[in-house]
Amino acid sequence: MSHTFDYDIAFSRNIGWVTEAEQQIIKSKRIAIAGMGGVGGDHVLTLARLGITKFNLSDFDEFGCENTNRQVGATVDTYGQKKLDTMIAMAKAINPEIEFKTFPEGINEANTEEFLKNADCYVDSLDFFALEARKRVFRLCAEKNIPATTAAPIGMGTAYLNFLPGGMTFEEYFRLEGYSENEQYLRFFLGLTPAALQQAYLVDPSKLDLANKKGPSTTIACKLAAGVTGANVAKILLNRGDVIAIPYGLHFDAYTNQFKKTWRPGGNNNLLQKLAYKLAKRKMNI
């Protein structure tokens, strides 16, 4: 058994599911990931174990005790430490040859173009409430023909959407402009989860606190999101297999044992989405 790092040996167990030539393609690609918290940390480690060796990463935050239930980098030893530094150290422990371009100030108007430079795919891991940054990143991805993916950790499942070059854009799907901040949060959530599989077991809806920008979450959802993202990123990078893109989406819920392929032509302008928005807005007094 080898005790020194060798790329070909380290990722040899991938071979069979991908070819040796495809593994070398994966090795050459660069992934941009914004946010190193709940799903972001799991995305980095999953893609590092897939064999990705180039990352553009951003995060300005530190780990705290409140992150323990779901964020892979949050331990008693990392409380108070920068999430970005922690996740880089964990990824380098998997593959010391990984190269990182880092954005420790997070994503802003001045650095988003640089953040996406040379990226072969963007993986969205921004905080749910970071809508302005999210809109800016997805808009630039569309302009630069960069595939963009988001796998939302919802309850004990994940809802997955792909935005591919030449297809429907983030804004065309979610239609957020012209709405108040809380209305945009609601529209974003409903667009992520049109199947709403998680509703059956949400025991305390009051824990979704828009005013303080907090909501319930589980590590189960983060792990599922990372797995689904890793599979789809591989398919995108290798141009292999059917990649579901909006207005289609996927939602798998491990708690309810349900899987749905969703279709919302027109995005949040779809009649079903309009009805869901009207009912949810009334229920939440927005």
Protein backbone atom coordinates (compact mmCIF):
# COMPACT_ATOMS: atom_id res chain seq x y z
CA MET A 1 0.00 0.00 0.00
CA SER A 2 1.36 3.41 -1.05
CA HIS A 3 1.85 6.04 1.67
CA THR A 4 2.91 8.91 -0.59
CA PHE A 5 0.56 10.95 -2.75
CA ASP A 6 0.34 10.08 -6.42
CA TYR A 7 -2.57 11.50 -8.44
CA ASP A 8 -3.08 8.44 -10.62
CA ILE A 9 -3.06 6.09 -7.62
CA ALA A 10 -5.16 8.41 -5.44
CA PHE A 11 -8.01 8.52 -7.96
CA SER A 12 -7.56 5.08 -9.52
CA ARG A 13 -10.79 3.81 -7.94
CA ASN A 14 -12.70 6.35 -10.05
CA ILE A 15 -11.60 4.42 -13.13
CA GLY A 16 -14.41 2.21 -14.32
CA TRP A 17 -16.99 4.90 -13.72
CA VAL A 18 -14.81 7.25 -15.77
CA THR A 19 -12.06 6.30 -18.19
CA GLU A 20 -8.40 7.11 -17.58
CA ALA A 21 -8.61 9.76 -20.30
CA GLU A 22 -11.70 11.28 -18.66
CA GLN A 23 -9.94 11.37 -15.28
CA GLN A 24 -7.22 13.47 -16.89
CA ILE A 25 -9.87 15.83 -18.27
CA ILE A 26 -11.32 16.18 -14.76
CA LYS A 27 -7.81 16.89 -13.47
CA SER A 28 -7.41 19.78 -15.91
CA LYS A 29 -10.67 21.58 -15.09
CA ARG A 30 -11.27 24.59 -12.82
CA ILE A 31 -14.34 24.94 -10.60
CA ALA A 32 -15.52 28.19 -9.01
CA ILE A 33 -17.38 27.82 -5.71
CA ALA A 34 -18.81 30.80 -3.84
CA GLY A 35 -19.36 30.11 -0.14
CA MET A 36 -17.61 27.60 2.13
CA GLY A 37 -20.44 27.01 4.60
CA GLY A 38 -23.18 24.36 4.57
CA VAL A 39 -23.01 22.98 1.05
CA GLY A 40 -19.85 24.80 -0.05
CA GLY A 41 -17.48 22.87 2.17
CA ASP A 42 -18.98 19.54 1.12
CA HIS A 43 -18.78 20.58 -2.53
CA VAL A 44 -15.07 21.32 -2.26
CA LEU A 45 -14.25 18.00 -0.60
CA THR A 46 -16.48 15.99 -2.93
CA LEU A 47 -14.97 17.55 -6.05
CA ALA A 48 -11.46 17.24 -4.62
CA ARG A 49 -12.07 13.49 -4.21
CA LEU A 50 -13.43 13.39 -7.75
CA GLY A 51 -9.99 14.60 -8.81
CA ILE A 52 -10.52 18.30 -9.53
CA THR A 53 -7.20 20.11 -9.04
CA LYS A 54 -8.07 23.77 -9.69
CA PHE A 55 -10.51 25.86 -7.67
CA ASN A 56 -11.59 29.48 -7.37
CA LEU A 57 -13.02 29.79 -3.84
CA SER A 58 -14.61 32.63 -1.90
CA ASP A 59 -15.77 33.18 1.66
CA PHE A 60 -15.31 35.93 4.25
CA ASP A 61 -16.87 34.23 7.27
CA GLU A 62 -15.59 32.27 10.29
CA PHE A 63 -16.90 29.03 11.75
CA GLY A 64 -18.99 29.22 14.90
CA CYS A 65 -20.80 26.78 17.17
CA GLU A 66 -24.06 27.41 15.30
CA ASN A 67 -22.51 25.83 12.17
CA THR A 68 -21.81 22.47 13.84
CA ASN A 69 -24.98 20.65 12.76
CA ARG A 70 -24.34 20.87 9.01
CA GLN A 71 -21.02 22.46 7.94
CA VAL A 72 -18.31 19.87 7.32
CA GLY A 73 -15.51 22.22 8.38
CA ALA A 74 -17.14 23.22 11.69
CA THR A 75 -15.63 21.50 14.74
CA VAL A 76 -14.72 22.69 18.20
CA ASP A 77 -11.16 23.02 16.87
CA THR A 78 -12.18 25.37 14.03
CA TYR A 79 -14.55 27.73 15.87
CA GLY A 80 -13.31 31.26 15.17
CA GLN A 81 -11.23 30.17 12.19
CA LYS A 82 -11.81 31.36 8.64
CA LYS A 83 -14.00 28.97 6.69
CA LEU A 84 -11.94 29.49 3.55
CA ASP A 85 -8.63 28.64 5.25
CA THR A 86 -10.13 25.60 6.94
CA MET A 87 -11.61 24.14 3.76
CA ILE A 88 -8.41 24.73 1.81
CA ALA A 89 -6.46 22.84 4.48
CA MET A 90 -8.95 19.96 4.37
CA ALA A 91 -8.85 19.79 0.56
CA LYS A 92 -5.03 19.90 0.53
CA ALA A 93 -5.02 17.00 2.97
CA ILE A 94 -6.88 15.06 0.25
CA ASN A 95 -4.72 16.29 -2.64
CA PRO A 96 -1.66 18.43 -1.87
CA GLU A 97 -1.35 19.29 -5.57
CA ILE A 98 -4.60 21.28 -5.71
CA GLU A 99 -4.14 24.93 -6.68
CA PHE A 100 -6.46 27.55 -5.26
CA LYS A 101 -7.31 31.08 -6.29
CA THR A 102 -8.91 32.59 -3.21
CA PHE A 103 -11.27 35.48 -2.53
CA PRO A 104 -11.21 35.94 1.27
CA GLU A 105 -13.30 39.10 1.06
CA GLY A 106 -16.17 37.14 -0.48
CA ILE A 107 -17.91 37.99 -3.75
CA ASN A 108 -18.54 41.64 -4.58
CA GLU A 109 -19.06 43.90 -7.58
CA ALA A 110 -15.33 44.49 -7.94
CA ASN A 111 -14.13 40.89 -8.01
CA THR A 112 -16.88 38.71 -9.50
CA GLU A 113 -15.37 38.73 -13.00
CA GLU A 114 -11.99 37.72 -11.61
CA PHE A 115 -13.65 35.05 -9.47
CA LEU A 116 -15.12 33.43 -12.59
CA LYS A 117 -11.97 33.78 -14.69
CA ASN A 118 -11.02 30.50 -16.40
CA ALA A 119 -13.82 28.62 -14.60
CA ASP A 120 -15.20 25.60 -16.45
CA CYS A 121 -18.21 25.41 -14.12
CA TYR A 122 -19.69 27.49 -11.29
CA VAL A 123 -21.12 25.74 -8.22
CA ASP A 124 -23.42 27.96 -6.18
CA SER A 125 -22.93 27.71 -2.42
CA LEU A 126 -23.75 31.24 -1.34
CA ASP A 127 -25.88 31.75 1.74
CA PHE A 128 -29.58 31.50 0.89
CA PHE A 129 -30.06 35.18 1.72
CA ALA A 130 -27.16 36.47 -0.44
CA LEU A 131 -29.41 37.19 -3.39
CA GLU A 132 -27.65 40.24 -4.79
CA ALA A 133 -24.32 38.42 -5.01
CA ARG A 134 -26.07 35.35 -6.41
CA LYS A 135 -27.86 37.32 -9.13
CA ARG A 136 -24.59 38.99 -10.13
CA VAL A 137 -22.67 35.69 -10.36
CA PHE A 138 -25.36 33.91 -12.38
CA ARG A 139 -25.72 36.89 -14.72
CA LEU A 140 -21.99 36.83 -15.46
CA CYS A 141 -22.03 33.06 -15.91
CA ALA A 142 -24.71 33.50 -18.60
CA GLU A 143 -22.71 36.25 -20.29
CA LYS A 144 -19.50 34.18 -20.23
CA ASN A 145 -21.16 30.86 -21.19
CA ILE A 146 -20.13 29.19 -17.94
CA PRO A 147 -22.38 26.32 -16.79
CA ALA A 148 -23.83 27.16 -13.37
CA THR A 149 -25.37 24.73 -10.92
CA THR A 150 -27.17 25.01 -7.63
CA ALA A 151 -28.16 22.14 -5.34
CA ALA A 152 -30.21 23.51 -2.48
CA PRO A 153 -30.12 21.62 0.84
CA ILE A 154 -33.83 21.41 1.66
CA GLY A 155 -34.98 19.58 4.78
CA MET A 156 -33.48 16.10 4.42
CA GLY A 157 -33.19 16.27 0.67
CA THR A 158 -31.85 18.35 -2.18
CA ALA A 159 -33.43 20.32 -5.03
CA TYR A 160 -31.13 20.69 -8.02
CA LEU A 161 -31.15 23.18 -10.92
CA ASN A 162 -28.76 23.59 -13.83
CA PHE A 163 -28.30 26.80 -15.81
CA LEU A 164 -26.48 25.94 -19.03
CA PRO A 165 -25.04 28.28 -21.68
CA GLY A 166 -27.65 29.39 -24.20
CA GLY A 167 -30.53 28.22 -22.02
CA MET A 168 -32.96 29.93 -19.68
CA THR A 169 -31.17 32.34 -17.34
CA PHE A 170 -31.35 32.69 -13.57
CA GLU A 171 -33.43 35.87 -13.81
CA GLU A 172 -35.73 34.46 -16.49
CA TYR A 173 -36.46 31.53 -14.21
CA PHE A 174 -36.72 33.14 -10.76
CA ARG A 175 -38.03 36.58 -11.87
CA LEU A 176 -36.91 38.45 -8.77
CA GLU A 177 -36.68 42.02 -10.00
CA GLY A 178 -39.32 44.49 -8.86
CA TYR A 179 -40.11 42.65 -5.62
CA SER A 180 -39.27 43.52 -2.02
CA GLU A 181 -36.41 41.73 -0.28
CA ASN A 182 -38.68 39.27 1.56
CA GLU A 183 -40.70 38.66 -1.59
CA GLN A 184 -37.49 37.84 -3.45
CA TYR A 185 -36.50 35.33 -0.76
CA LEU A 186 -39.89 33.66 -1.10
CA ARG A 187 -39.74 33.58 -4.90
CA PHE A 188 -36.22 32.17 -4.80
CA PHE A 189 -37.27 29.42 -2.38
CA LEU A 190 -40.36 28.47 -4.39
CA GLY A 191 -38.31 28.39 -7.59
CA LEU A 192 -35.77 26.09 -5.97
CA THR A 193 -38.39 23.67 -4.66
CA PRO A 194 -41.44 23.57 -6.94
CA ALA A 195 -42.18 20.00 -5.81
CA ALA A 196 -42.13 21.08 -2.12
CA LEU A 197 -41.41 17.53 -0.92
CA GLN A 198 -40.12 18.86 2.41
CA GLN A 199 -43.44 20.35 3.50
CA ALA A 200 -44.71 17.05 4.90
CA TYR A 201 -42.33 17.03 7.86
CA LEU A 202 -41.48 20.65 8.69
CA VAL A 203 -42.56 20.57 12.34
CA ASP A 204 -41.96 24.23 13.17
CA PRO A 205 -42.42 26.70 10.28
CA SER A 206 -41.69 29.60 12.64
CA LYS A 207 -37.99 28.69 12.49
CA LEU A 208 -37.88 30.20 9.00
CA ASP A 209 -36.99 33.69 10.20
CA LEU A 210 -36.71 36.07 7.25
CA ALA A 211 -36.22 39.11 9.48
CA ASN A 212 -33.02 37.68 10.98
CA LYS A 213 -32.07 35.74 7.86
CA LYS A 214 -32.11 32.32 9.50
CA GLY A 215 -33.67 28.99 8.64
CA PRO A 216 -33.54 25.33 9.69
CA SER A 217 -31.08 22.99 7.98
CA THR A 218 -29.57 19.49 8.24
CA THR A 219 -26.27 17.83 7.37
CA ILE A 220 -28.27 15.16 5.50
CA ALA A 221 -29.36 17.71 2.92
CA CYS A 222 -25.83 19.10 2.55
CA LYS A 223 -24.36 15.64 1.88
CA LEU A 224 -27.04 14.81 -0.67
CA ALA A 225 -26.57 18.16 -2.40
CA ALA A 226 -22.82 17.59 -2.70
CA GLY A 227 -23.29 14.13 -4.17
CA VAL A 228 -25.83 15.28 -6.75
CA THR A 229 -23.65 18.25 -7.65
CA GLY A 230 -20.53 16.10 -8.03
CA ALA A 231 -22.30 13.74 -10.43
CA ASN A 232 -23.67 16.54 -12.56
CA VAL A 233 -20.43 18.52 -12.61
CA ALA A 234 -18.69 15.37 -13.88
CA LYS A 235 -21.26 15.01 -16.66
CA ILE A 236 -20.91 18.68 -17.61
CA LEU A 237 -17.11 18.59 -17.67
CA LEU A 238 -16.98 15.33 -19.63
CA ASN A 239 -19.90 16.20 -21.92
CA ARG A 240 -21.31 12.82 -21.03
CA GLY A 241 -24.88 11.84 -20.26
CA ASP A 242 -28.12 13.78 -20.04
CA VAL A 243 -27.77 16.99 -18.01
CA ILE A 244 -31.12 18.23 -16.75
CA ALA A 245 -31.40 22.01 -17.20
CA ILE A 246 -34.07 24.51 -16.25
CA PRO A 247 -36.98 24.83 -16.68
CA TYR A 248 -36.49 21.20 -15.59
CA GLY A 249 -35.15 20.35 -12.15
CA LEU A 250 -34.72 17.44 -9.76
CA HIS A 251 -35.83 17.08 -6.14
CA PHE A 252 -34.98 14.05 -4.02
CA ASP A 253 -36.15 13.80 -0.42
CA ALA A 254 -34.61 11.01 1.66
CA TYR A 255 -37.10 11.47 4.51
CA THR A 256 -40.25 11.04 2.41
CA ASN A 257 -38.62 8.53 0.02
CA GLN A 258 -39.69 10.65 -2.94
CA PHE A 259 -38.03 11.75 -6.14
CA LYS A 260 -39.53 14.28 -8.53
CA LYS A 261 -38.45 15.64 -11.87
CA THR A 262 -39.95 19.12 -12.00
CA TRP A 263 -40.90 21.20 -15.03
CA ARG A 264 -41.78 24.85 -14.74
CA PRO A 265 -41.83 26.49 -18.19
CA GLY A 266 -41.71 30.21 -17.56
CA GLY A 267 -40.14 29.64 -14.15
CA ASN A 268 -41.87 31.66 -11.46
CA ASN A 269 -44.13 33.08 -14.18
CA ASN A 270 -45.69 29.62 -14.51
CA LEU A 271 -49.33 29.49 -13.36
CA LEU A 272 -48.55 26.82 -10.74
CA GLN A 273 -45.71 28.93 -9.37
CA LYS A 274 -47.88 32.04 -9.31
CA LEU A 275 -50.48 30.18 -7.27
CA ALA A 276 -47.86 28.80 -4.88
CA TYR A 277 -46.40 32.29 -4.44
CA LYS A 278 -49.82 33.81 -3.72
CA LEU A 279 -50.64 31.17 -1.11
CA ALA A 280 -47.22 31.28 0.56
CA LYS A 281 -47.19 35.07 0.67
CA ARG A 282 -50.56 35.08 2.42
CA LYS A 283 -49.49 32.36 4.87
CA MET A 284 -46.26 34.20 5.77
CA ASN A 285 -47.88 37.65 5.91
CA ILE A 286 -45.39 39.10 3.45
